[in-house]
Amino acid sequence: MTLVEQYVLCRKDLRTTVVGIATTRLKLLHTSWDPVRTAKLCETLDTTKCDHLATALKDADYNTSEEVHGLSVTGSIRRIDIIAFKESTRSGCIIDPTVRFETDEEQPAEVDNEKKNIYNPTIPYYLQKYQLKELEVIGLLVGARGTATLFMKDVFKRIGMPTSIIPIVTLAALKGLIALLKNHLYSKSN
């Protein structure tokens, strides 16, 4: 059984997912990595990302969709991780969880601003598509070493999500990092 198969099997048992791990974000990226194997691992980890967040949003009475393609006002095509809205108020949010190594206290706000700059131009498209009145972009930093920020806790409280989901999301990010590191350490290089 390959590492990917073991991880997928483990993930099915534990219902954990990895949120937004990308090899370009990892500072440990090394030339001896098998790029094909790493890409396949990242693709497998990415197929069900955000599952815990989407489930928690559904439990908080949000309508949610994952991996939704949309159009920016500049004409570019964007894919958002999660869109969630309340039917009663016709307002909601685009949530983009991003896994990165933690660097400083300002990083959560920087990630949020970065995601707003990327996805705010898609808001008119999603407002029309889902017939919403209001939509907000939220960039969530999930620490690659399994850490959560006060920013994440505040966002969860503000949108009515249980903060009890935070350890599950951060653990999933940590498991994903471990799987990528295991791939790096034990893969055969040429």
N, C-alpha and C. Protein backbone atom coordinates (compact mmCIF):
# COMPACT_ATOMS: atom_id res chain seq x y z
N MET A 1 0.85 -1.17 0.00
CA MET A 1 0.00 0.00 0.00
C MET A 1 0.90 1.24 0.00
N THR A 2 0.62 2.16 -0.91
CA THR A 2 1.43 3.37 -1.02
C THR A 2 1.10 4.35 0.10
N LEU A 3 1.96 5.34 0.24
CA LEU A 3 1.74 6.39 1.24
C LEU A 3 0.42 7.10 0.99
N VAL A 4 0.14 7.39 -0.27
CA VAL A 4 -1.11 8.09 -0.60
C VAL A 4 -2.30 7.22 -0.22
N GLU A 5 -2.26 5.92 -0.55
CA GLU A 5 -3.36 5.03 -0.20
C GLU A 5 -3.53 4.93 1.30
N GLN A 6 -2.40 4.84 2.03
CA GLN A 6 -2.47 4.78 3.49
C GLN A 6 -3.09 6.06 4.04
N TYR A 7 -2.67 7.20 3.49
CA TYR A 7 -3.18 8.47 3.98
C TYR A 7 -4.67 8.60 3.70
N VAL A 8 -5.08 8.22 2.47
CA VAL A 8 -6.49 8.32 2.11
C VAL A 8 -7.31 7.39 3.00
N LEU A 9 -6.82 6.18 3.24
CA LEU A 9 -7.51 5.24 4.11
C LEU A 9 -7.63 5.81 5.52
N CYS A 10 -6.52 6.35 6.03
CA CYS A 10 -6.52 6.96 7.37
C CYS A 10 -7.49 8.13 7.40
N ARG A 11 -7.49 8.93 6.34
CA ARG A 11 -8.33 10.11 6.30
C ARG A 11 -9.80 9.72 6.25
N LYS A 12 -10.11 8.63 5.55
CA LYS A 12 -11.49 8.18 5.50
C LYS A 12 -11.94 7.71 6.89
N ASP A 13 -11.02 7.06 7.61
CA ASP A 13 -11.36 6.59 8.95
C ASP A 13 -11.55 7.74 9.91
N LEU A 14 -10.67 8.71 9.87
CA LEU A 14 -10.69 9.82 10.83
C LEU A 14 -11.50 11.01 10.33
N ARG A 15 -11.90 10.98 9.04
CA ARG A 15 -12.60 12.10 8.42
C ARG A 15 -11.84 13.42 8.59
N THR A 16 -10.55 13.36 8.36
CA THR A 16 -9.74 14.57 8.42
C THR A 16 -9.37 14.99 7.01
N THR A 17 -9.15 16.27 6.86
CA THR A 17 -8.73 16.77 5.55
C THR A 17 -7.63 17.78 5.73
N VAL A 18 -6.97 18.04 4.67
CA VAL A 18 -5.90 19.03 4.67
C VAL A 18 -6.42 20.26 3.95
N VAL A 19 -6.19 21.41 4.53
CA VAL A 19 -6.70 22.65 3.94
C VAL A 19 -5.58 23.43 3.28
N GLY A 20 -5.61 23.42 2.00
CA GLY A 20 -4.77 24.30 1.20
C GLY A 20 -3.28 24.09 1.22
N ILE A 21 -2.77 22.90 1.48
CA ILE A 21 -1.32 22.72 1.44
C ILE A 21 -0.89 22.68 -0.02
N ALA A 22 0.06 23.50 -0.33
CA ALA A 22 0.61 23.52 -1.68
C ALA A 22 2.12 23.47 -1.58
N THR A 23 2.75 22.69 -2.43
CA THR A 23 4.20 22.55 -2.32
C THR A 23 4.91 23.87 -2.55
N THR A 24 4.30 24.78 -3.30
CA THR A 24 4.96 26.07 -3.51
C THR A 24 5.00 26.89 -2.23
N ARG A 25 4.12 26.59 -1.27
CA ARG A 25 4.09 27.33 -0.02
C ARG A 25 5.08 26.77 1.00
N LEU A 26 5.52 25.53 0.79
CA LEU A 26 6.38 24.90 1.79
C LEU A 26 7.81 25.40 1.65
N LYS A 27 8.36 25.87 2.73
CA LYS A 27 9.73 26.35 2.71
C LYS A 27 10.73 25.21 2.67
N LEU A 28 10.25 23.98 2.92
CA LEU A 28 11.12 22.83 2.93
C LEU A 28 11.22 22.15 1.57
N LEU A 29 10.64 22.75 0.56
CA LEU A 29 10.69 22.17 -0.77
C LEU A 29 12.15 21.98 -1.18
N HIS A 30 12.47 20.83 -1.66
CA HIS A 30 13.86 20.49 -1.94
C HIS A 30 13.92 19.83 -3.30
N THR A 31 15.01 19.99 -4.00
CA THR A 31 15.11 19.46 -5.35
C THR A 31 15.13 17.94 -5.40
N SER A 32 15.42 17.27 -4.28
CA SER A 32 15.46 15.81 -4.32
C SER A 32 14.07 15.19 -4.20
N TRP A 33 13.04 15.98 -4.02
CA TRP A 33 11.68 15.45 -3.97
C TRP A 33 11.33 14.87 -5.32
N ASP A 34 10.60 13.80 -5.32
CA ASP A 34 10.06 13.25 -6.55
C ASP A 34 8.86 14.11 -6.92
N PRO A 35 8.98 14.97 -7.93
CA PRO A 35 7.91 15.93 -8.21
C PRO A 35 6.59 15.28 -8.61
N VAL A 36 6.64 14.16 -9.32
CA VAL A 36 5.40 13.50 -9.73
C VAL A 36 4.69 12.94 -8.51
N ARG A 37 5.43 12.27 -7.64
CA ARG A 37 4.84 11.69 -6.45
C ARG A 37 4.31 12.78 -5.52
N THR A 38 5.06 13.85 -5.36
CA THR A 38 4.63 14.96 -4.51
C THR A 38 3.36 15.60 -5.07
N ALA A 39 3.31 15.78 -6.39
CA ALA A 39 2.12 16.37 -7.01
C ALA A 39 0.91 15.48 -6.80
N LYS A 40 1.10 14.16 -6.95
CA LYS A 40 -0.02 13.24 -6.74
C LYS A 40 -0.47 13.27 -5.29
N LEU A 41 0.48 13.33 -4.35
CA LEU A 41 0.13 13.40 -2.94
C LEU A 41 -0.65 14.67 -2.64
N CYS A 42 -0.17 15.80 -3.16
CA CYS A 42 -0.87 17.07 -2.93
C CYS A 42 -2.26 17.05 -3.55
N GLU A 43 -2.37 16.45 -4.73
CA GLU A 43 -3.67 16.37 -5.39
C GLU A 43 -4.64 15.53 -4.55
N THR A 44 -4.13 14.41 -4.02
CA THR A 44 -4.97 13.56 -3.19
C THR A 44 -5.38 14.28 -1.91
N LEU A 45 -4.43 14.99 -1.30
CA LEU A 45 -4.73 15.72 -0.08
C LEU A 45 -5.71 16.86 -0.36
N ASP A 46 -5.65 17.40 -1.56
CA ASP A 46 -6.45 18.56 -1.91
C ASP A 46 -7.88 18.22 -2.31
N THR A 47 -8.15 16.96 -2.64
CA THR A 47 -9.47 16.61 -3.19
C THR A 47 -10.59 16.85 -2.20
N THR A 48 -10.35 16.67 -0.92
CA THR A 48 -11.43 16.86 0.05
C THR A 48 -11.10 17.96 1.06
N LYS A 49 -10.25 18.88 0.65
CA LYS A 49 -9.87 19.93 1.59
C LYS A 49 -11.09 20.75 2.00
N CYS A 50 -11.02 21.31 3.15
CA CYS A 50 -12.07 22.16 3.69
C CYS A 50 -13.31 21.40 4.13
N ASP A 51 -13.28 20.09 4.11
CA ASP A 51 -14.46 19.28 4.45
C ASP A 51 -14.96 19.60 5.85
N HIS A 52 -14.05 19.71 6.80
CA HIS A 52 -14.46 19.99 8.18
C HIS A 52 -15.10 21.37 8.31
N LEU A 53 -14.51 22.35 7.64
CA LEU A 53 -15.08 23.70 7.70
C LEU A 53 -16.46 23.72 7.05
N ALA A 54 -16.60 23.08 5.91
CA ALA A 54 -17.90 23.06 5.23
C ALA A 54 -18.95 22.35 6.08
N THR A 55 -18.56 21.26 6.72
CA THR A 55 -19.50 20.53 7.58
C THR A 55 -19.92 21.39 8.76
N ALA A 56 -18.96 22.09 9.38
CA ALA A 56 -19.28 22.96 10.51
C ALA A 56 -20.20 24.11 10.08
N LEU A 57 -19.96 24.64 8.89
CA LEU A 57 -20.83 25.70 8.38
C LEU A 57 -22.24 25.18 8.14
N LYS A 58 -22.35 23.98 7.59
CA LYS A 58 -23.67 23.38 7.38
C LYS A 58 -24.39 23.18 8.72
N ASP A 59 -23.62 22.74 9.73
CA ASP A 59 -24.20 22.56 11.06
C ASP A 59 -24.67 23.88 11.66
N ALA A 60 -24.06 24.99 11.22
CA ALA A 60 -24.45 26.33 11.69
C ALA A 60 -25.51 26.95 10.77
N ASP A 61 -26.21 26.12 10.01
CA ASP A 61 -27.31 26.53 9.12
C ASP A 61 -26.89 27.38 7.93
N TYR A 62 -25.68 27.17 7.44
CA TYR A 62 -25.25 27.82 6.21
C TYR A 62 -25.46 26.87 5.05
N ASN A 63 -25.83 27.41 3.91
CA ASN A 63 -25.78 26.66 2.66
C ASN A 63 -24.34 26.77 2.18
N THR A 64 -23.71 25.66 1.85
CA THR A 64 -22.31 25.71 1.45
C THR A 64 -22.08 24.99 0.13
N SER A 65 -21.09 25.47 -0.58
CA SER A 65 -20.58 24.81 -1.78
C SER A 65 -19.06 24.91 -1.74
N GLU A 66 -18.41 23.85 -2.22
CA GLU A 66 -16.95 23.82 -2.21
C GLU A 66 -16.40 23.78 -3.63
N GLU A 67 -15.20 24.34 -3.79
CA GLU A 67 -14.50 24.33 -5.07
C GLU A 67 -15.39 24.85 -6.21
N VAL A 68 -15.87 26.07 -6.04
CA VAL A 68 -16.79 26.67 -7.01
C VAL A 68 -16.02 27.59 -7.96
N HIS A 69 -16.19 27.38 -9.24
CA HIS A 69 -15.56 28.24 -10.24
C HIS A 69 -16.39 29.50 -10.43
N GLY A 70 -15.69 30.61 -10.64
CA GLY A 70 -16.37 31.87 -10.85
C GLY A 70 -15.57 32.78 -11.75
N LEU A 71 -16.14 33.93 -12.04
CA LEU A 71 -15.53 34.87 -12.96
C LEU A 71 -15.25 36.19 -12.25
N SER A 72 -14.06 36.68 -12.41
CA SER A 72 -13.66 37.96 -11.84
C SER A 72 -14.11 39.09 -12.75
N VAL A 73 -14.22 40.29 -12.21
CA VAL A 73 -14.59 41.45 -13.04
C VAL A 73 -13.52 41.74 -14.07
N THR A 74 -12.30 41.25 -13.85
CA THR A 74 -11.21 41.44 -14.82
C THR A 74 -11.25 40.39 -15.93
N GLY A 75 -12.17 39.42 -15.80
CA GLY A 75 -12.30 38.39 -16.83
C GLY A 75 -11.57 37.09 -16.51
N SER A 76 -10.81 37.07 -15.44
CA SER A 76 -10.10 35.84 -15.08
C SER A 76 -11.03 34.87 -14.36
N ILE A 77 -10.71 33.60 -14.49
CA ILE A 77 -11.51 32.56 -13.83
C ILE A 77 -10.84 32.23 -12.50
N ARG A 78 -11.63 32.20 -11.45
CA ARG A 78 -11.15 31.89 -10.10
C ARG A 78 -11.95 30.72 -9.56
N ARG A 79 -11.31 29.96 -8.68
CA ARG A 79 -12.01 28.88 -7.99
C ARG A 79 -11.90 29.13 -6.49
N ILE A 80 -13.03 29.29 -5.85
CA ILE A 80 -13.04 29.54 -4.42
C ILE A 80 -13.14 28.20 -3.69
N ASP A 81 -12.59 28.16 -2.48
CA ASP A 81 -12.63 26.93 -1.70
C ASP A 81 -14.03 26.67 -1.15
N ILE A 82 -14.58 27.66 -0.45
CA ILE A 82 -15.89 27.49 0.16
C ILE A 82 -16.69 28.79 0.01
N ILE A 83 -17.94 28.65 -0.38
CA ILE A 83 -18.88 29.77 -0.28
C ILE A 83 -19.99 29.29 0.65
N ALA A 84 -20.33 30.13 1.60
CA ALA A 84 -21.36 29.78 2.59
C ALA A 84 -22.26 30.99 2.79
N PHE A 85 -23.57 30.72 2.82
CA PHE A 85 -24.51 31.83 3.04
C PHE A 85 -25.73 31.33 3.78
N LYS A 86 -26.37 32.26 4.47
CA LYS A 86 -27.61 31.97 5.18
C LYS A 86 -28.77 32.31 4.25
N GLU A 87 -29.66 31.37 4.10
CA GLU A 87 -30.82 31.55 3.24
C GLU A 87 -31.70 32.69 3.74
N SER A 88 -31.83 32.81 5.06
CA SER A 88 -32.74 33.80 5.64
C SER A 88 -32.28 35.24 5.39
N THR A 89 -30.97 35.48 5.46
CA THR A 89 -30.46 36.85 5.30
C THR A 89 -29.91 37.12 3.91
N ARG A 90 -29.71 36.06 3.12
CA ARG A 90 -29.10 36.17 1.79
C ARG A 90 -27.73 36.83 1.85
N SER A 91 -27.03 36.62 2.96
CA SER A 91 -25.66 37.13 3.08
C SER A 91 -24.75 35.97 3.47
N GLY A 92 -23.49 36.11 3.13
CA GLY A 92 -22.58 35.00 3.43
C GLY A 92 -21.13 35.39 3.25
N CYS A 93 -20.30 34.39 3.04
CA CYS A 93 -18.87 34.61 2.94
C CYS A 93 -18.21 33.59 2.02
N ILE A 94 -17.10 34.02 1.46
CA ILE A 94 -16.19 33.15 0.72
C ILE A 94 -15.05 32.89 1.68
N ILE A 95 -14.80 31.64 1.98
CA ILE A 95 -13.74 31.29 2.94
C ILE A 95 -12.63 30.57 2.21
N ASP A 96 -11.41 31.07 2.39
CA ASP A 96 -10.25 30.44 1.78
C ASP A 96 -9.23 30.12 2.86
N PRO A 97 -9.27 28.88 3.38
CA PRO A 97 -8.27 28.48 4.38
C PRO A 97 -6.93 28.25 3.69
N THR A 98 -5.88 28.79 4.27
CA THR A 98 -4.55 28.72 3.69
C THR A 98 -3.58 28.19 4.73
N VAL A 99 -2.87 27.13 4.39
CA VAL A 99 -1.89 26.54 5.30
C VAL A 99 -0.52 27.11 4.96
N ARG A 100 0.10 27.71 5.97
CA ARG A 100 1.45 28.27 5.80
C ARG A 100 2.23 28.11 7.09
N PHE A 101 3.53 28.15 6.95
CA PHE A 101 4.37 28.19 8.14
C PHE A 101 4.19 29.55 8.79
N GLU A 102 4.06 29.55 10.08
CA GLU A 102 3.82 30.78 10.82
C GLU A 102 5.11 31.60 10.87
N THR A 103 4.98 32.91 10.63
CA THR A 103 6.17 33.76 10.64
C THR A 103 6.08 34.89 11.67
N ASP A 104 4.93 35.53 11.80
CA ASP A 104 4.81 36.63 12.74
C ASP A 104 3.35 36.86 13.10
N GLU A 105 3.11 37.79 14.02
CA GLU A 105 1.76 38.06 14.51
C GLU A 105 0.85 38.71 13.47
N GLU A 106 1.44 39.35 12.48
CA GLU A 106 0.66 40.05 11.46
C GLU A 106 0.24 39.13 10.32
N GLN A 107 0.76 37.93 10.29
CA GLN A 107 0.50 37.03 9.17
C GLN A 107 -0.98 36.71 8.94
N PRO A 108 -1.79 36.47 9.98
CA PRO A 108 -3.22 36.20 9.72
C PRO A 108 -3.91 37.36 8.98
N ALA A 109 -3.61 38.59 9.36
CA ALA A 109 -4.20 39.76 8.68
C ALA A 109 -3.66 39.87 7.26
N GLU A 110 -2.39 39.54 7.06
CA GLU A 110 -1.79 39.60 5.73
C GLU A 110 -2.44 38.57 4.80
N VAL A 111 -2.67 37.36 5.32
CA VAL A 111 -3.33 36.32 4.53
C VAL A 111 -4.75 36.74 4.19
N ASP A 112 -5.45 37.30 5.16
CA ASP A 112 -6.81 37.77 4.93
C ASP A 112 -6.83 38.84 3.83
N ASN A 113 -5.93 39.81 3.92
CA ASN A 113 -5.87 40.87 2.90
C ASN A 113 -5.49 40.31 1.53
N GLU A 114 -4.56 39.36 1.51
CA GLU A 114 -4.15 38.73 0.25
C GLU A 114 -5.35 38.05 -0.43
N LYS A 115 -6.12 37.31 0.36
CA LYS A 115 -7.29 36.60 -0.19
C LYS A 115 -8.38 37.58 -0.63
N LYS A 116 -8.55 38.67 0.12
CA LYS A 116 -9.51 39.69 -0.27
C LYS A 116 -9.12 40.30 -1.63
N ASN A 117 -7.82 40.57 -1.81
CA ASN A 117 -7.35 41.13 -3.08
C ASN A 117 -7.59 40.17 -4.25
N ILE A 118 -7.48 38.89 -3.99
CA ILE A 118 -7.66 37.89 -5.04
C ILE A 118 -9.14 37.68 -5.36
N TYR A 119 -9.97 37.55 -4.32
CA TYR A 119 -11.36 37.11 -4.52
C TYR A 119 -12.42 38.21 -4.48
N ASN A 120 -12.09 39.40 -4.00
CA ASN A 120 -13.09 40.49 -4.02
C ASN A 120 -13.60 40.79 -5.43
N PRO A 121 -12.73 40.71 -6.47
CA PRO A 121 -13.25 40.95 -7.83
C PRO A 121 -14.25 39.89 -8.32
N THR A 122 -14.41 38.79 -7.59
CA THR A 122 -15.38 37.77 -7.99
C THR A 122 -16.73 37.96 -7.29
N ILE A 123 -16.79 38.85 -6.31
CA ILE A 123 -18.02 39.01 -5.53
C ILE A 123 -19.24 39.31 -6.40
N PRO A 124 -19.18 40.23 -7.37
CA PRO A 124 -20.37 40.48 -8.19
C PRO A 124 -20.90 39.20 -8.87
N TYR A 125 -19.99 38.36 -9.34
CA TYR A 125 -20.40 37.11 -9.99
C TYR A 125 -21.16 36.21 -9.02
N TYR A 126 -20.61 36.02 -7.82
CA TYR A 126 -21.25 35.13 -6.84
C TYR A 126 -22.54 35.73 -6.27
N LEU A 127 -22.59 37.05 -6.13
CA LEU A 127 -23.84 37.70 -5.69
C LEU A 127 -24.97 37.38 -6.67
N GLN A 128 -24.66 37.47 -7.95
CA GLN A 128 -25.66 37.19 -8.96
C GLN A 128 -25.98 35.69 -9.04
N LYS A 129 -24.94 34.87 -9.02
CA LYS A 129 -25.14 33.42 -9.17
C LYS A 129 -26.02 32.85 -8.06
N TYR A 130 -25.77 33.29 -6.80
CA TYR A 130 -26.51 32.75 -5.66
C TYR A 130 -27.63 33.69 -5.19
N GLN A 131 -27.84 34.80 -5.92
CA GLN A 131 -28.86 35.78 -5.59
C GLN A 131 -28.73 36.26 -4.14
N LEU A 132 -27.52 36.72 -3.81
CA LEU A 132 -27.22 37.18 -2.46
C LEU A 132 -27.22 38.70 -2.40
N LYS A 133 -27.39 39.23 -1.18
CA LYS A 133 -27.35 40.67 -0.96
C LYS A 133 -25.94 41.12 -0.56
N GLU A 134 -25.25 40.26 0.18
CA GLU A 134 -23.96 40.64 0.75
C GLU A 134 -23.04 39.43 0.79
N LEU A 135 -21.75 39.66 0.52
CA LEU A 135 -20.77 38.59 0.51
C LEU A 135 -19.42 39.14 0.96
N GLU A 136 -18.77 38.43 1.84
CA GLU A 136 -17.48 38.86 2.38
C GLU A 136 -16.44 37.78 2.11
N VAL A 137 -15.22 38.20 1.78
CA VAL A 137 -14.11 37.26 1.59
C VAL A 137 -13.35 37.17 2.90
N ILE A 138 -13.07 35.93 3.33
CA ILE A 138 -12.32 35.70 4.56
C ILE A 138 -11.16 34.76 4.24
N GLY A 139 -9.96 35.25 4.44
CA GLY A 139 -8.77 34.41 4.30
C GLY A 139 -8.36 33.93 5.68
N LEU A 140 -8.35 32.62 5.87
CA LEU A 140 -8.01 32.04 7.17
C LEU A 140 -6.63 31.41 7.13
N LEU A 141 -5.74 31.86 7.99
CA LEU A 141 -4.42 31.23 8.12
C LEU A 141 -4.54 30.05 9.06
N VAL A 142 -4.11 28.88 8.56
CA VAL A 142 -3.99 27.70 9.40
C VAL A 142 -2.51 27.39 9.47
N GLY A 143 -1.96 27.36 10.67
CA GLY A 143 -0.53 27.13 10.82
C GLY A 143 -0.14 25.72 10.39
N ALA A 144 0.92 25.63 9.59
CA ALA A 144 1.37 24.33 9.08
C ALA A 144 1.85 23.41 10.20
N ARG A 145 2.18 23.99 11.34
CA ARG A 145 2.63 23.17 12.47
C ARG A 145 1.48 22.89 13.44
N GLY A 146 0.26 23.03 12.94
CA GLY A 146 -0.90 22.70 13.74
C GLY A 146 -1.35 23.81 14.67
N THR A 147 -1.07 25.05 14.33
CA THR A 147 -1.46 26.16 15.20
C THR A 147 -2.66 26.90 14.62
N ALA A 148 -3.43 27.49 15.50
CA ALA A 148 -4.56 28.34 15.12
C ALA A 148 -4.30 29.73 15.69
N THR A 149 -4.93 30.72 15.08
CA THR A 149 -4.71 32.11 15.51
C THR A 149 -5.97 32.66 16.17
N LEU A 150 -5.79 33.74 16.90
CA LEU A 150 -6.94 34.44 17.47
C LEU A 150 -7.84 34.98 16.37
N PHE A 151 -7.24 35.35 15.24
CA PHE A 151 -8.01 35.82 14.10
C PHE A 151 -9.02 34.76 13.67
N MET A 152 -8.58 33.51 13.58
CA MET A 152 -9.47 32.41 13.19
C MET A 152 -10.59 32.25 14.21
N LYS A 153 -10.24 32.29 15.48
CA LYS A 153 -11.24 32.15 16.54
C LYS A 153 -12.27 33.27 16.46
N ASP A 154 -11.81 34.50 16.24
CA ASP A 154 -12.71 35.65 16.12
C ASP A 154 -13.63 35.52 14.91
N VAL A 155 -13.09 35.06 13.79
CA VAL A 155 -13.91 34.86 12.59
C VAL A 155 -14.99 33.82 12.85
N PHE A 156 -14.60 32.71 13.46
CA PHE A 156 -15.56 31.64 13.74
C PHE A 156 -16.69 32.15 14.64
N LYS A 157 -16.35 32.91 15.66
CA LYS A 157 -17.37 33.47 16.54
C LYS A 157 -18.28 34.43 15.79
N ARG A 158 -17.68 35.28 14.96
CA ARG A 158 -18.43 36.30 14.23
C ARG A 158 -19.44 35.69 13.26
N ILE A 159 -19.07 34.59 12.61
CA ILE A 159 -19.98 34.00 11.62
C ILE A 159 -20.82 32.86 12.22
N GLY A 160 -20.66 32.62 13.51
CA GLY A 160 -21.51 31.65 14.19
C GLY A 160 -21.08 30.21 14.06
N MET A 161 -19.80 29.98 13.82
CA MET A 161 -19.29 28.60 13.76
C MET A 161 -18.75 28.20 15.12
N PRO A 162 -18.87 26.95 15.48
CA PRO A 162 -18.32 26.51 16.76
C PRO A 162 -16.80 26.52 16.73
N THR A 163 -16.19 27.07 17.76
CA THR A 163 -14.73 27.09 17.82
C THR A 163 -14.16 25.70 18.11
N SER A 164 -15.02 24.76 18.44
CA SER A 164 -14.55 23.40 18.70
C SER A 164 -14.00 22.73 17.43
N ILE A 165 -14.29 23.29 16.26
CA ILE A 165 -13.78 22.73 15.01
C ILE A 165 -12.31 23.10 14.78
N ILE A 166 -11.82 24.13 15.45
CA ILE A 166 -10.46 24.62 15.22
C ILE A 166 -9.40 23.53 15.43
N PRO A 167 -9.41 22.78 16.54
CA PRO A 167 -8.39 21.73 16.69
C PRO A 167 -8.45 20.67 15.59
N ILE A 168 -9.62 20.38 15.09
CA ILE A 168 -9.77 19.38 14.03
C ILE A 168 -9.12 19.89 12.74
N VAL A 169 -9.36 21.15 12.41
CA VAL A 169 -8.78 21.75 11.20
C VAL A 169 -7.27 21.83 11.31
N THR A 170 -6.76 22.28 12.46
CA THR A 170 -5.32 22.41 12.61
C THR A 170 -4.63 21.05 12.63
N LEU A 171 -5.27 20.05 13.20
CA LEU A 171 -4.71 18.70 13.20
C LEU A 171 -4.64 18.16 11.77
N ALA A 172 -5.65 18.43 10.98
CA ALA A 172 -5.65 18.00 9.59
C ALA A 172 -4.49 18.64 8.82
N ALA A 173 -4.22 19.93 9.08
CA ALA A 173 -3.10 20.61 8.43
C ALA A 173 -1.78 19.98 8.84
N LEU A 174 -1.64 19.67 10.11
CA LEU A 174 -0.42 19.05 10.62
C LEU A 174 -0.22 17.67 10.00
N LYS A 175 -1.28 16.89 9.90
CA LYS A 175 -1.19 15.56 9.28
C LYS A 175 -0.78 15.67 7.82
N GLY A 176 -1.30 16.67 7.14
CA GLY A 176 -0.92 16.88 5.74
C GLY A 176 0.55 17.22 5.60
N LEU A 177 1.05 18.07 6.49
CA LEU A 177 2.47 18.43 6.47
C LEU A 177 3.32 17.19 6.73
N ILE A 178 2.92 16.38 7.69
CA ILE A 178 3.68 15.17 8.01
C ILE A 178 3.70 14.23 6.81
N ALA A 179 2.58 14.10 6.11
CA ALA A 179 2.54 13.24 4.93
C ALA A 179 3.49 13.75 3.85
N LEU A 180 3.52 15.09 3.65
CA LEU A 180 4.43 15.66 2.66
C LEU A 180 5.89 15.47 3.07
N LEU A 181 6.18 15.66 4.35
CA LEU A 181 7.55 15.45 4.82
C LEU A 181 7.96 13.99 4.70
N LYS A 182 7.04 13.09 5.01
CA LYS A 182 7.32 11.66 4.88
C LYS A 182 7.63 11.33 3.42
N ASN A 183 6.87 11.93 2.53
CA ASN A 183 7.12 11.74 1.10
C ASN A 183 8.52 12.23 0.75
N HIS A 184 8.91 13.35 1.28
CA HIS A 184 10.22 13.93 1.00
C HIS A 184 11.33 13.05 1.57
N LEU A 185 11.17 12.61 2.80
CA LEU A 185 12.24 11.87 3.47
C LEU A 185 12.42 10.45 2.93
N TYR A 186 11.33 9.83 2.51
CA TYR A 186 11.41 8.42 2.13
C TYR A 186 11.21 8.14 0.65
N SER A 187 11.11 9.19 -0.15
CA SER A 187 10.97 8.94 -1.59
C SER A 187 12.32 8.66 -2.19
N LYS A 188 12.32 7.88 -3.25
CA LYS A 188 13.54 7.57 -3.97
C LYS A 188 13.84 8.71 -4.90
N SER A 189 15.06 9.22 -4.85
CA SER A 189 15.43 10.31 -5.76
C SER A 189 16.47 9.79 -6.73
N ASN A 190 16.50 10.42 -7.88
CA ASN A 190 17.45 9.99 -8.93
C ASN A 190 18.82 10.52 -8.66
